[in-house]
Amino acid sequence: MKLLMSPLSPYARKVRVLLRETSQLDAVQEVSVSTSPLASDPVVVVANPTGRVPALIRDDGPAIHDSRVITRFLDARAGGALYPEDSLWEVLTLEATAEGILDSALILTYEGRFRSPEQQSPEWLDAHWAKIARAVSALEDQWLALLDGPLTMGHIATGCALAYLDFRHDARGWRKGHDRLAAWADAFAARPGMAETRPG
């Protein structure tokens, strides 16, 4: 199988960390592609009509895309430990919270990269940071008990989301007032799968 990905994509990073945590790197070749909201790589478009990464080209079926679809597929292939049935809805909700952080964080990144200053709306940017801030507070206040437990896909998604905030939006200071979550993020970032996929 082939994983079409960008080393800078936090969505692709979730899949790449899962591959390492479940020892599936020998079965999936990571293929770095160059794609952006304004210029989709033709190779990616064949696998995902929206032109977004990650996309997984399978040996025995059509390509699948969207990081959460790919992680469910690969986790099932590895035995299903990262989406445990006894806490499935909590894990999915934690993963969705992390995904919401990434969605808003990517909007902030793209506004800065692809729109001129006069095209940008401070209110729009502030509204998306407010979504991120609320989600980070929820992680600190409601989800640390789960995050302190056995590894799930919720952990990987949260670790990648917080690392992306550090990478692209550190100046906004998500860590302030969230000491326990920041400590968790630092510890999680030291895992081999996270260290090996850290964007340069």
N, C-alpha and C. Protein backbone atom coordinates (compact mmCIF):
# COMPACT_ATOMS: atom_id res chain seq x y z
N MET A 1 0.84 -1.19 0.00
CA MET A 1 0.00 0.00 0.00
C MET A 1 0.87 1.23 0.00
N LYS A 2 0.28 2.34 -0.44
CA LYS A 2 1.00 3.61 -0.46
C LYS A 2 0.18 4.69 0.24
N LEU A 3 0.84 5.43 1.13
CA LEU A 3 0.21 6.56 1.80
C LEU A 3 0.69 7.84 1.13
N LEU A 4 -0.21 8.54 0.45
CA LEU A 4 0.13 9.83 -0.13
C LEU A 4 0.00 10.86 0.98
N MET A 5 1.08 11.59 1.22
CA MET A 5 1.09 12.47 2.39
C MET A 5 2.07 13.62 2.17
N SER A 6 1.92 14.63 3.01
CA SER A 6 2.89 15.71 3.11
C SER A 6 3.49 15.66 4.51
N PRO A 7 4.80 15.78 4.63
CA PRO A 7 5.42 15.75 5.97
C PRO A 7 4.92 16.87 6.88
N LEU A 8 4.36 17.95 6.30
CA LEU A 8 3.88 19.06 7.11
C LEU A 8 2.40 18.95 7.47
N SER A 9 1.70 17.99 6.89
CA SER A 9 0.27 17.85 7.15
C SER A 9 0.01 17.19 8.49
N PRO A 10 -0.70 17.85 9.39
CA PRO A 10 -1.01 17.21 10.68
C PRO A 10 -1.99 16.06 10.52
N TYR A 11 -2.84 16.10 9.49
CA TYR A 11 -3.76 15.00 9.24
C TYR A 11 -2.98 13.76 8.80
N ALA A 12 -2.02 13.95 7.90
CA ALA A 12 -1.17 12.84 7.49
C ALA A 12 -0.33 12.34 8.66
N ARG A 13 0.08 13.25 9.51
CA ARG A 13 0.91 12.84 10.65
C ARG A 13 0.16 11.87 11.54
N LYS A 14 -1.13 12.06 11.74
CA LYS A 14 -1.91 11.13 12.55
C LYS A 14 -1.77 9.71 12.01
N VAL A 15 -1.86 9.56 10.70
CA VAL A 15 -1.75 8.25 10.09
C VAL A 15 -0.33 7.72 10.23
N ARG A 16 0.64 8.58 10.04
CA ARG A 16 2.04 8.16 10.12
C ARG A 16 2.41 7.71 11.54
N VAL A 17 1.88 8.39 12.54
CA VAL A 17 2.13 7.96 13.91
C VAL A 17 1.47 6.61 14.16
N LEU A 18 0.23 6.45 13.70
CA LEU A 18 -0.45 5.16 13.86
C LEU A 18 0.36 4.03 13.22
N LEU A 19 0.90 4.26 12.04
CA LEU A 19 1.69 3.22 11.38
C LEU A 19 2.85 2.77 12.26
N ARG A 20 3.46 3.72 12.94
CA ARG A 20 4.59 3.39 13.80
C ARG A 20 4.14 2.74 15.10
N GLU A 21 3.03 3.21 15.65
CA GLU A 21 2.54 2.63 16.91
C GLU A 21 2.02 1.20 16.71
N THR A 22 1.59 0.87 15.50
CA THR A 22 1.02 -0.46 15.23
C THR A 22 1.95 -1.33 14.39
N SER A 23 3.19 -0.87 14.20
CA SER A 23 4.21 -1.65 13.47
C SER A 23 3.75 -2.07 12.08
N GLN A 24 3.23 -1.09 11.32
CA GLN A 24 2.77 -1.38 9.97
C GLN A 24 3.59 -0.68 8.88
N LEU A 25 4.71 -0.11 9.24
CA LEU A 25 5.52 0.59 8.24
C LEU A 25 6.00 -0.33 7.13
N ASP A 26 6.17 -1.60 7.43
CA ASP A 26 6.63 -2.52 6.41
C ASP A 26 5.58 -2.78 5.34
N ALA A 27 4.31 -2.46 5.64
CA ALA A 27 3.22 -2.73 4.70
C ALA A 27 2.75 -1.48 3.96
N VAL A 28 3.20 -0.32 4.39
CA VAL A 28 2.72 0.94 3.80
C VAL A 28 3.91 1.83 3.45
N GLN A 29 4.03 2.18 2.19
CA GLN A 29 5.09 3.09 1.75
C GLN A 29 4.58 4.52 1.84
N GLU A 30 5.31 5.36 2.55
CA GLU A 30 4.95 6.77 2.65
C GLU A 30 5.49 7.52 1.44
N VAL A 31 4.59 8.15 0.69
CA VAL A 31 4.96 8.86 -0.53
C VAL A 31 4.68 10.35 -0.32
N SER A 32 5.73 11.15 -0.27
CA SER A 32 5.57 12.58 -0.06
C SER A 32 5.15 13.26 -1.37
N VAL A 33 4.10 14.06 -1.30
CA VAL A 33 3.60 14.77 -2.48
C VAL A 33 3.53 16.26 -2.17
N SER A 34 3.47 17.05 -3.23
CA SER A 34 3.36 18.50 -3.07
C SER A 34 1.97 18.93 -3.53
N THR A 35 1.15 19.32 -2.58
CA THR A 35 -0.21 19.73 -2.90
C THR A 35 -0.60 20.88 -1.99
N SER A 36 -1.51 21.71 -2.43
CA SER A 36 -1.94 22.86 -1.64
C SER A 36 -3.39 23.18 -2.00
N PRO A 37 -4.04 24.05 -1.22
CA PRO A 37 -5.42 24.40 -1.54
C PRO A 37 -5.58 25.03 -2.93
N LEU A 38 -4.51 25.62 -3.45
CA LEU A 38 -4.59 26.29 -4.75
C LEU A 38 -4.03 25.46 -5.89
N ALA A 39 -3.34 24.37 -5.58
CA ALA A 39 -2.71 23.56 -6.62
C ALA A 39 -2.64 22.12 -6.16
N SER A 40 -3.62 21.31 -6.56
CA SER A 40 -3.66 19.91 -6.14
C SER A 40 -2.73 19.07 -6.99
N ASP A 41 -2.00 18.19 -6.35
CA ASP A 41 -1.13 17.26 -7.05
C ASP A 41 -2.01 16.28 -7.84
N PRO A 42 -1.77 16.09 -9.15
CA PRO A 42 -2.60 15.17 -9.94
C PRO A 42 -2.60 13.75 -9.39
N VAL A 43 -1.51 13.31 -8.81
CA VAL A 43 -1.45 11.97 -8.23
C VAL A 43 -2.44 11.85 -7.08
N VAL A 44 -2.53 12.90 -6.29
CA VAL A 44 -3.47 12.89 -5.16
C VAL A 44 -4.90 12.91 -5.66
N VAL A 45 -5.17 13.70 -6.69
CA VAL A 45 -6.54 13.83 -7.21
C VAL A 45 -7.08 12.49 -7.68
N VAL A 46 -6.21 11.65 -8.23
CA VAL A 46 -6.64 10.32 -8.66
C VAL A 46 -7.13 9.50 -7.47
N ALA A 47 -6.44 9.65 -6.33
CA ALA A 47 -6.81 8.89 -5.13
C ALA A 47 -7.91 9.56 -4.32
N ASN A 48 -7.98 10.88 -4.38
CA ASN A 48 -8.96 11.65 -3.61
C ASN A 48 -9.39 12.84 -4.46
N PRO A 49 -10.62 12.84 -4.94
CA PRO A 49 -11.05 13.91 -5.86
C PRO A 49 -10.96 15.31 -5.27
N THR A 50 -10.91 15.45 -3.95
CA THR A 50 -10.76 16.78 -3.36
C THR A 50 -9.32 17.26 -3.40
N GLY A 51 -8.39 16.35 -3.70
CA GLY A 51 -6.98 16.74 -3.78
C GLY A 51 -6.29 16.87 -2.45
N ARG A 52 -6.92 16.38 -1.38
CA ARG A 52 -6.34 16.53 -0.04
C ARG A 52 -5.59 15.28 0.38
N VAL A 53 -4.60 15.48 1.23
CA VAL A 53 -3.89 14.36 1.85
C VAL A 53 -4.29 14.29 3.33
N PRO A 54 -4.21 13.06 3.86
CA PRO A 54 -3.65 11.85 3.29
C PRO A 54 -4.66 11.08 2.45
N ALA A 55 -4.12 10.21 1.60
CA ALA A 55 -4.92 9.24 0.86
C ALA A 55 -4.14 7.94 0.87
N LEU A 56 -4.85 6.84 1.02
CA LEU A 56 -4.21 5.53 1.09
C LEU A 56 -4.59 4.72 -0.13
N ILE A 57 -3.58 4.38 -0.94
CA ILE A 57 -3.78 3.52 -2.10
C ILE A 57 -3.60 2.08 -1.65
N ARG A 58 -4.68 1.32 -1.72
CA ARG A 58 -4.65 -0.05 -1.24
C ARG A 58 -4.32 -1.02 -2.37
N ASP A 59 -3.83 -2.18 -1.99
CA ASP A 59 -3.49 -3.20 -2.98
C ASP A 59 -4.71 -3.97 -3.45
N ASP A 60 -5.74 -4.03 -2.62
CA ASP A 60 -6.87 -4.91 -2.92
C ASP A 60 -8.21 -4.18 -2.90
N GLY A 61 -8.19 -2.88 -3.20
CA GLY A 61 -9.43 -2.13 -3.20
C GLY A 61 -9.18 -0.70 -3.63
N PRO A 62 -10.25 0.07 -3.78
CA PRO A 62 -10.06 1.46 -4.18
C PRO A 62 -9.34 2.27 -3.10
N ALA A 63 -8.73 3.36 -3.50
CA ALA A 63 -8.08 4.24 -2.55
C ALA A 63 -9.10 4.78 -1.56
N ILE A 64 -8.65 5.02 -0.34
CA ILE A 64 -9.51 5.63 0.67
C ILE A 64 -8.84 6.91 1.16
N HIS A 65 -9.66 7.85 1.61
CA HIS A 65 -9.12 9.13 2.05
C HIS A 65 -9.89 9.67 3.23
N ASP A 66 -9.36 10.74 3.80
CA ASP A 66 -9.76 11.35 5.07
C ASP A 66 -9.03 10.59 6.18
N SER A 67 -8.31 11.34 6.99
CA SER A 67 -7.44 10.70 7.98
C SER A 67 -8.22 9.77 8.91
N ARG A 68 -9.44 10.13 9.28
CA ARG A 68 -10.18 9.29 10.22
C ARG A 68 -10.64 7.98 9.58
N VAL A 69 -10.91 8.01 8.29
CA VAL A 69 -11.24 6.77 7.58
C VAL A 69 -10.01 5.88 7.50
N ILE A 70 -8.87 6.48 7.15
CA ILE A 70 -7.63 5.71 7.01
C ILE A 70 -7.20 5.12 8.35
N THR A 71 -7.30 5.90 9.42
CA THR A 71 -6.87 5.36 10.72
C THR A 71 -7.77 4.23 11.18
N ARG A 72 -9.06 4.33 10.91
CA ARG A 72 -9.95 3.21 11.28
C ARG A 72 -9.59 1.96 10.48
N PHE A 73 -9.31 2.13 9.20
CA PHE A 73 -8.95 1.00 8.35
C PHE A 73 -7.65 0.35 8.84
N LEU A 74 -6.62 1.17 9.06
CA LEU A 74 -5.33 0.62 9.46
C LEU A 74 -5.37 0.03 10.87
N ASP A 75 -6.15 0.65 11.76
CA ASP A 75 -6.27 0.08 13.10
C ASP A 75 -6.98 -1.26 13.05
N ALA A 76 -8.02 -1.36 12.24
CA ALA A 76 -8.72 -2.65 12.10
C ALA A 76 -7.77 -3.71 11.55
N ARG A 77 -6.94 -3.31 10.61
CA ARG A 77 -5.95 -4.23 10.03
C ARG A 77 -4.97 -4.72 11.09
N ALA A 78 -4.69 -3.87 12.08
CA ALA A 78 -3.73 -4.22 13.12
C ALA A 78 -4.37 -4.87 14.35
N GLY A 79 -5.68 -5.02 14.33
CA GLY A 79 -6.33 -5.69 15.46
C GLY A 79 -7.31 -4.84 16.25
N GLY A 80 -7.38 -3.55 15.96
CA GLY A 80 -8.42 -2.72 16.55
C GLY A 80 -8.16 -2.16 17.93
N ALA A 81 -6.92 -2.13 18.38
CA ALA A 81 -6.65 -1.70 19.76
C ALA A 81 -6.82 -0.20 19.98
N LEU A 82 -6.69 0.62 18.93
CA LEU A 82 -6.73 2.07 19.12
C LEU A 82 -8.15 2.64 19.13
N TYR A 83 -9.13 1.81 18.78
CA TYR A 83 -10.54 2.20 18.88
C TYR A 83 -11.26 1.14 19.73
N PRO A 84 -10.96 1.07 21.02
CA PRO A 84 -11.52 0.01 21.87
C PRO A 84 -13.03 0.15 22.03
N GLU A 85 -13.71 -0.97 21.94
CA GLU A 85 -15.18 -0.97 22.01
C GLU A 85 -15.69 -0.43 23.33
N ASP A 86 -14.98 -0.69 24.44
CA ASP A 86 -15.50 -0.30 25.74
C ASP A 86 -15.44 1.20 25.99
N SER A 87 -14.70 1.94 25.15
CA SER A 87 -14.69 3.40 25.28
C SER A 87 -14.74 4.06 23.91
N LEU A 88 -15.39 3.39 22.96
CA LEU A 88 -15.36 3.84 21.57
C LEU A 88 -15.89 5.26 21.40
N TRP A 89 -17.02 5.56 22.03
CA TRP A 89 -17.64 6.88 21.80
C TRP A 89 -16.81 7.99 22.43
N GLU A 90 -16.18 7.71 23.54
CA GLU A 90 -15.29 8.69 24.14
C GLU A 90 -14.06 8.92 23.26
N VAL A 91 -13.50 7.84 22.75
CA VAL A 91 -12.32 7.96 21.88
C VAL A 91 -12.67 8.73 20.61
N LEU A 92 -13.81 8.43 20.01
CA LEU A 92 -14.22 9.13 18.79
C LEU A 92 -14.48 10.61 19.07
N THR A 93 -15.06 10.91 20.23
CA THR A 93 -15.33 12.31 20.56
C THR A 93 -14.03 13.06 20.82
N LEU A 94 -13.09 12.41 21.51
CA LEU A 94 -11.78 13.03 21.73
C LEU A 94 -11.08 13.26 20.39
N GLU A 95 -11.14 12.28 19.51
CA GLU A 95 -10.54 12.44 18.18
C GLU A 95 -11.20 13.57 17.42
N ALA A 96 -12.52 13.68 17.49
CA ALA A 96 -13.24 14.75 16.80
C ALA A 96 -12.87 16.12 17.37
N THR A 97 -12.65 16.20 18.68
CA THR A 97 -12.22 17.46 19.30
C THR A 97 -10.87 17.88 18.74
N ALA A 98 -9.94 16.93 18.67
CA ALA A 98 -8.63 17.22 18.09
C ALA A 98 -8.75 17.62 16.63
N GLU A 99 -9.63 16.95 15.91
CA GLU A 99 -9.83 17.27 14.49
C GLU A 99 -10.38 18.68 14.33
N GLY A 100 -11.27 19.08 15.24
CA GLY A 100 -11.79 20.44 15.20
C GLY A 100 -10.71 21.48 15.43
N ILE A 101 -9.79 21.18 16.33
CA ILE A 101 -8.64 22.08 16.54
C ILE A 101 -7.85 22.21 15.25
N LEU A 102 -7.57 21.08 14.61
CA LEU A 102 -6.79 21.11 13.38
C LEU A 102 -7.52 21.86 12.26
N ASP A 103 -8.82 21.66 12.15
CA ASP A 103 -9.57 22.34 11.09
C ASP A 103 -9.44 23.86 11.22
N SER A 104 -9.62 24.36 12.42
CA SER A 104 -9.51 25.81 12.62
C SER A 104 -8.06 26.28 12.51
N ALA A 105 -7.13 25.47 12.99
CA ALA A 105 -5.71 25.86 12.91
C ALA A 105 -5.25 25.93 11.45
N LEU A 106 -5.74 25.01 10.62
CA LEU A 106 -5.37 25.05 9.20
C LEU A 106 -5.95 26.28 8.52
N ILE A 107 -7.16 26.66 8.90
CA ILE A 107 -7.76 27.88 8.34
C ILE A 107 -6.88 29.08 8.68
N LEU A 108 -6.43 29.16 9.92
CA LEU A 108 -5.55 30.26 10.31
C LEU A 108 -4.26 30.24 9.49
N THR A 109 -3.70 29.06 9.31
CA THR A 109 -2.46 28.94 8.53
C THR A 109 -2.68 29.37 7.09
N TYR A 110 -3.75 28.88 6.48
CA TYR A 110 -4.00 29.18 5.07
C TYR A 110 -4.34 30.66 4.85
N GLU A 111 -5.02 31.25 5.82
CA GLU A 111 -5.31 32.69 5.69
C GLU A 111 -4.01 33.48 5.58
N GLY A 112 -3.04 33.09 6.42
CA GLY A 112 -1.77 33.80 6.40
C GLY A 112 -0.94 33.52 5.17
N ARG A 113 -1.06 32.30 4.62
CA ARG A 113 -0.22 31.91 3.49
C ARG A 113 -0.80 32.29 2.14
N PHE A 114 -2.12 32.25 2.02
CA PHE A 114 -2.73 32.36 0.69
C PHE A 114 -3.59 33.60 0.49
N ARG A 115 -3.77 34.41 1.52
CA ARG A 115 -4.57 35.62 1.38
C ARG A 115 -3.74 36.82 1.81
N SER A 116 -3.82 37.87 1.06
CA SER A 116 -3.07 39.08 1.39
C SER A 116 -3.65 39.70 2.66
N PRO A 117 -2.87 40.52 3.36
CA PRO A 117 -3.36 41.11 4.61
C PRO A 117 -4.68 41.85 4.46
N GLU A 118 -4.86 42.55 3.34
CA GLU A 118 -6.11 43.30 3.17
C GLU A 118 -7.31 42.39 2.91
N GLN A 119 -7.06 41.14 2.53
CA GLN A 119 -8.15 40.18 2.32
C GLN A 119 -8.54 39.46 3.61
N GLN A 120 -7.69 39.51 4.59
CA GLN A 120 -7.93 38.76 5.81
C GLN A 120 -8.89 39.50 6.74
N SER A 121 -9.68 38.73 7.46
CA SER A 121 -10.63 39.29 8.41
C SER A 121 -10.18 38.98 9.83
N PRO A 122 -9.80 39.99 10.61
CA PRO A 122 -9.40 39.72 12.01
C PRO A 122 -10.51 39.03 12.80
N GLU A 123 -11.75 39.39 12.52
CA GLU A 123 -12.87 38.76 13.24
C GLU A 123 -12.95 37.27 12.93
N TRP A 124 -12.74 36.93 11.66
CA TRP A 124 -12.76 35.53 11.22
C TRP A 124 -11.63 34.75 11.89
N LEU A 125 -10.45 35.34 11.91
CA LEU A 125 -9.31 34.68 12.53
C LEU A 125 -9.52 34.51 14.03
N ASP A 126 -10.02 35.56 14.67
CA ASP A 126 -10.26 35.48 16.12
C ASP A 126 -11.33 34.45 16.45
N ALA A 127 -12.35 34.34 15.59
CA ALA A 127 -13.41 33.36 15.83
C ALA A 127 -12.86 31.94 15.76
N HIS A 128 -11.95 31.69 14.83
CA HIS A 128 -11.38 30.35 14.75
C HIS A 128 -10.43 30.07 15.90
N TRP A 129 -9.69 31.10 16.34
CA TRP A 129 -8.85 30.86 17.51
C TRP A 129 -9.71 30.61 18.75
N ALA A 130 -10.86 31.26 18.83
CA ALA A 130 -11.76 31.03 19.96
C ALA A 130 -12.24 29.58 19.99
N LYS A 131 -12.51 29.00 18.81
CA LYS A 131 -12.89 27.58 18.75
C LYS A 131 -11.76 26.72 19.29
N ILE A 132 -10.53 27.03 18.87
CA ILE A 132 -9.37 26.29 19.33
C ILE A 132 -9.22 26.43 20.85
N ALA A 133 -9.33 27.65 21.34
CA ALA A 133 -9.15 27.89 22.78
C ALA A 133 -10.18 27.12 23.61
N ARG A 134 -11.43 27.09 23.14
CA ARG A 134 -12.46 26.34 23.86
C ARG A 134 -12.15 24.85 23.86
N ALA A 135 -11.69 24.36 22.72
CA ALA A 135 -11.37 22.93 22.63
C ALA A 135 -10.19 22.57 23.51
N VAL A 136 -9.17 23.42 23.54
CA VAL A 136 -8.02 23.17 24.40
C VAL A 136 -8.44 23.16 25.87
N SER A 137 -9.30 24.09 26.25
CA SER A 137 -9.79 24.12 27.64
C SER A 137 -10.58 22.86 27.96
N ALA A 138 -11.35 22.38 26.99
CA ALA A 138 -12.11 21.14 27.21
C ALA A 138 -11.16 19.95 27.39
N LEU A 139 -10.09 19.91 26.62
CA LEU A 139 -9.11 18.84 26.79
C LEU A 139 -8.51 18.87 28.19
N GLU A 140 -8.19 20.06 28.65
CA GLU A 140 -7.61 20.22 30.00
C GLU A 140 -8.61 19.84 31.09
N ASP A 141 -9.86 20.27 30.93
CA ASP A 141 -10.85 20.14 31.99
C ASP A 141 -11.59 18.80 31.98
N GLN A 142 -11.74 18.19 30.80
CA GLN A 142 -12.63 17.04 30.68
C GLN A 142 -11.96 15.75 30.21
N TRP A 143 -10.81 15.85 29.56
CA TRP A 143 -10.29 14.68 28.86
C TRP A 143 -8.96 14.16 29.37
N LEU A 144 -8.38 14.77 30.38
CA LEU A 144 -7.07 14.31 30.82
C LEU A 144 -7.11 12.91 31.43
N ALA A 145 -8.22 12.53 32.03
CA ALA A 145 -8.32 11.18 32.60
C ALA A 145 -8.18 10.14 31.49
N LEU A 146 -8.83 10.37 30.37
CA LEU A 146 -8.71 9.45 29.24
C LEU A 146 -7.32 9.52 28.63
N LEU A 147 -6.78 10.73 28.52
CA LEU A 147 -5.45 10.90 27.94
C LEU A 147 -4.37 10.27 28.81
N ASP A 148 -4.62 10.14 30.10
CA ASP A 148 -3.66 9.50 30.99
C ASP A 148 -3.79 7.98 30.98
N GLY A 149 -4.76 7.47 30.22
CA GLY A 149 -4.98 6.03 30.15
C GLY A 149 -4.26 5.38 28.98
N PRO A 150 -4.61 4.13 28.68
CA PRO A 150 -3.96 3.39 27.59
C PRO A 150 -4.12 4.10 26.24
N LEU A 151 -3.14 3.91 25.38
CA LEU A 151 -3.09 4.59 24.09
C LEU A 151 -4.30 4.26 23.23
N THR A 152 -4.92 5.32 22.68
CA THR A 152 -6.00 5.18 21.71
C THR A 152 -5.74 6.16 20.57
N MET A 153 -6.61 6.11 19.57
CA MET A 153 -6.48 7.07 18.49
C MET A 153 -6.76 8.49 18.97
N GLY A 154 -7.52 8.62 20.04
CA GLY A 154 -7.74 9.94 20.62
C GLY A 154 -6.45 10.57 21.09
N HIS A 155 -5.56 9.77 21.67
CA HIS A 155 -4.26 10.27 22.09
C HIS A 155 -3.45 10.78 20.90
N ILE A 156 -3.39 9.96 19.86
CA ILE A 156 -2.59 10.32 18.68
C ILE A 156 -3.14 11.60 18.04
N ALA A 157 -4.45 11.68 17.88
CA ALA A 157 -5.06 12.87 17.27
C ALA A 157 -4.78 14.11 18.12
N THR A 158 -4.93 13.98 19.43
CA THR A 158 -4.70 15.12 20.32
C THR A 158 -3.24 15.52 20.30
N GLY A 159 -2.34 14.56 20.36
CA GLY A 159 -0.92 14.88 20.31
C GLY A 159 -0.53 15.60 19.03
N CYS A 160 -1.07 15.15 17.90
CA CYS A 160 -0.77 15.81 16.62
C CYS A 160 -1.38 17.20 16.55
N ALA A 161 -2.58 17.37 17.08
CA ALA A 161 -3.23 18.69 17.05
C ALA A 161 -2.46 19.70 17.89
N LEU A 162 -2.09 19.32 19.09
CA LEU A 162 -1.36 20.25 19.96
C LEU A 162 0.04 20.54 19.41
N ALA A 163 0.66 19.54 18.82
CA ALA A 163 1.98 19.76 18.20
C ALA A 163 1.86 20.72 17.02
N TYR A 164 0.75 20.64 16.29
CA TYR A 164 0.57 21.57 15.17
C TYR A 164 0.39 23.00 15.67
N LEU A 165 -0.32 23.17 16.78
CA LEU A 165 -0.44 24.51 17.36
C LEU A 165 0.93 25.05 17.75
N ASP A 166 1.78 24.19 18.33
CA ASP A 166 3.14 24.61 18.66
C ASP A 166 3.92 24.99 17.40
N PHE A 167 3.74 24.22 16.35
CA PHE A 167 4.50 24.39 15.12
C PHE A 167 4.11 25.65 14.35
N ARG A 168 2.81 25.91 14.24
CA ARG A 168 2.33 27.00 13.39
C ARG A 168 1.80 28.21 14.15
N HIS A 169 1.35 28.01 15.39
CA HIS A 169 0.66 29.10 16.09
C HIS A 169 1.14 29.26 17.52
N ASP A 170 2.41 29.01 17.73
CA ASP A 170 2.97 29.09 19.08
C ASP A 170 2.79 30.47 19.69
N ALA A 171 2.84 31.51 18.85
CA ALA A 171 2.74 32.88 19.37
C ALA A 171 1.40 33.15 20.05
N ARG A 172 0.38 32.38 19.72
CA ARG A 172 -0.93 32.59 20.32
C ARG A 172 -1.03 31.99 21.72
N GLY A 173 -0.07 31.15 22.08
CA GLY A 173 0.08 30.72 23.47
C GLY A 173 -1.01 29.82 24.02
N TRP A 174 -1.32 28.72 23.32
CA TRP A 174 -2.35 27.81 23.83
C TRP A 174 -1.97 27.22 25.19
N ARG A 175 -0.68 27.15 25.50
CA ARG A 175 -0.22 26.51 26.73
C ARG A 175 -0.55 27.32 27.99
N LYS A 176 -0.70 28.62 27.85
CA LYS A 176 -0.94 29.46 29.01
C LYS A 176 -2.25 29.06 29.69
N GLY A 177 -2.16 28.73 30.97
CA GLY A 177 -3.35 28.33 31.73
C GLY A 177 -3.73 26.88 31.55
N HIS A 178 -2.92 26.12 30.79
CA HIS A 178 -3.22 24.71 30.55
C HIS A 178 -1.97 23.87 30.87
N ASP A 179 -1.49 24.02 32.08
CA ASP A 179 -0.22 23.40 32.46
C ASP A 179 -0.25 21.88 32.38
N ARG A 180 -1.35 21.27 32.83
CA ARG A 180 -1.41 19.81 32.83
C ARG A 180 -1.45 19.27 31.41
N LEU A 181 -2.23 19.92 30.55
CA LEU A 181 -2.30 19.49 29.16
C LEU A 181 -0.97 19.70 28.45
N ALA A 182 -0.32 20.81 28.73
CA ALA A 182 0.99 21.09 28.13
C ALA A 182 2.01 20.03 28.55
N ALA A 183 1.98 19.63 29.81
CA ALA A 183 2.89 18.59 30.27
C ALA A 183 2.59 17.27 29.58
N TRP A 184 1.30 16.96 29.42
CA TRP A 184 0.93 15.74 28.70
C TRP A 184 1.44 15.80 27.26
N ALA A 185 1.26 16.94 26.60
CA ALA A 185 1.68 17.09 25.21
C ALA A 185 3.18 16.91 25.07
N ASP A 186 3.93 17.44 26.00
CA ASP A 186 5.39 17.30 25.96
C ASP A 186 5.80 15.83 26.11
N ALA A 187 5.15 15.14 27.02
CA ALA A 187 5.47 13.72 27.23
C ALA A 187 5.08 12.90 26.00
N PHE A 188 3.94 13.21 25.43
CA PHE A 188 3.48 12.44 24.27
C PHE A 188 4.38 12.71 23.06
N ALA A 189 4.86 13.94 22.93
CA ALA A 189 5.72 14.30 21.81
C ALA A 189 7.03 13.54 21.83
N ALA A 190 7.40 12.97 22.97
CA ALA A 190 8.65 12.22 23.08
C ALA A 190 8.51 10.78 22.61
N ARG A 191 7.30 10.32 22.35
CA ARG A 191 7.13 8.96 21.85
C ARG A 191 7.85 8.81 20.51
N PRO A 192 8.42 7.65 20.23
CA PRO A 192 9.18 7.49 18.98
C PRO A 192 8.39 7.85 17.72
N GLY A 193 7.12 7.43 17.67
CA GLY A 193 6.33 7.72 16.49
C GLY A 193 6.12 9.21 16.25
N MET A 194 6.00 9.96 17.34
CA MET A 194 5.87 11.41 17.22
C MET A 194 7.21 12.03 16.85
N ALA A 195 8.27 11.58 17.50
CA ALA A 195 9.59 12.14 17.21
C ALA A 195 10.00 11.90 15.76
N GLU A 196 9.70 10.72 15.24
CA GLU A 196 10.09 10.38 13.87
C GLU A 196 9.29 11.14 12.81
N THR A 197 8.12 11.66 13.18
CA THR A 197 7.26 12.35 12.21
C THR A 197 7.22 13.85 12.46
N ARG A 198 8.07 14.35 13.35
CA ARG A 198 8.06 15.78 13.66
C ARG A 198 8.41 16.58 12.40
N PRO A 199 7.59 17.57 12.04
CA PRO A 199 7.90 18.38 10.84
C PRO A 199 9.16 19.20 11.05
N GLY A 200 9.92 19.34 9.97
CA GLY A 200 11.17 20.08 10.07
C GLY A 200 10.98 21.57 9.93
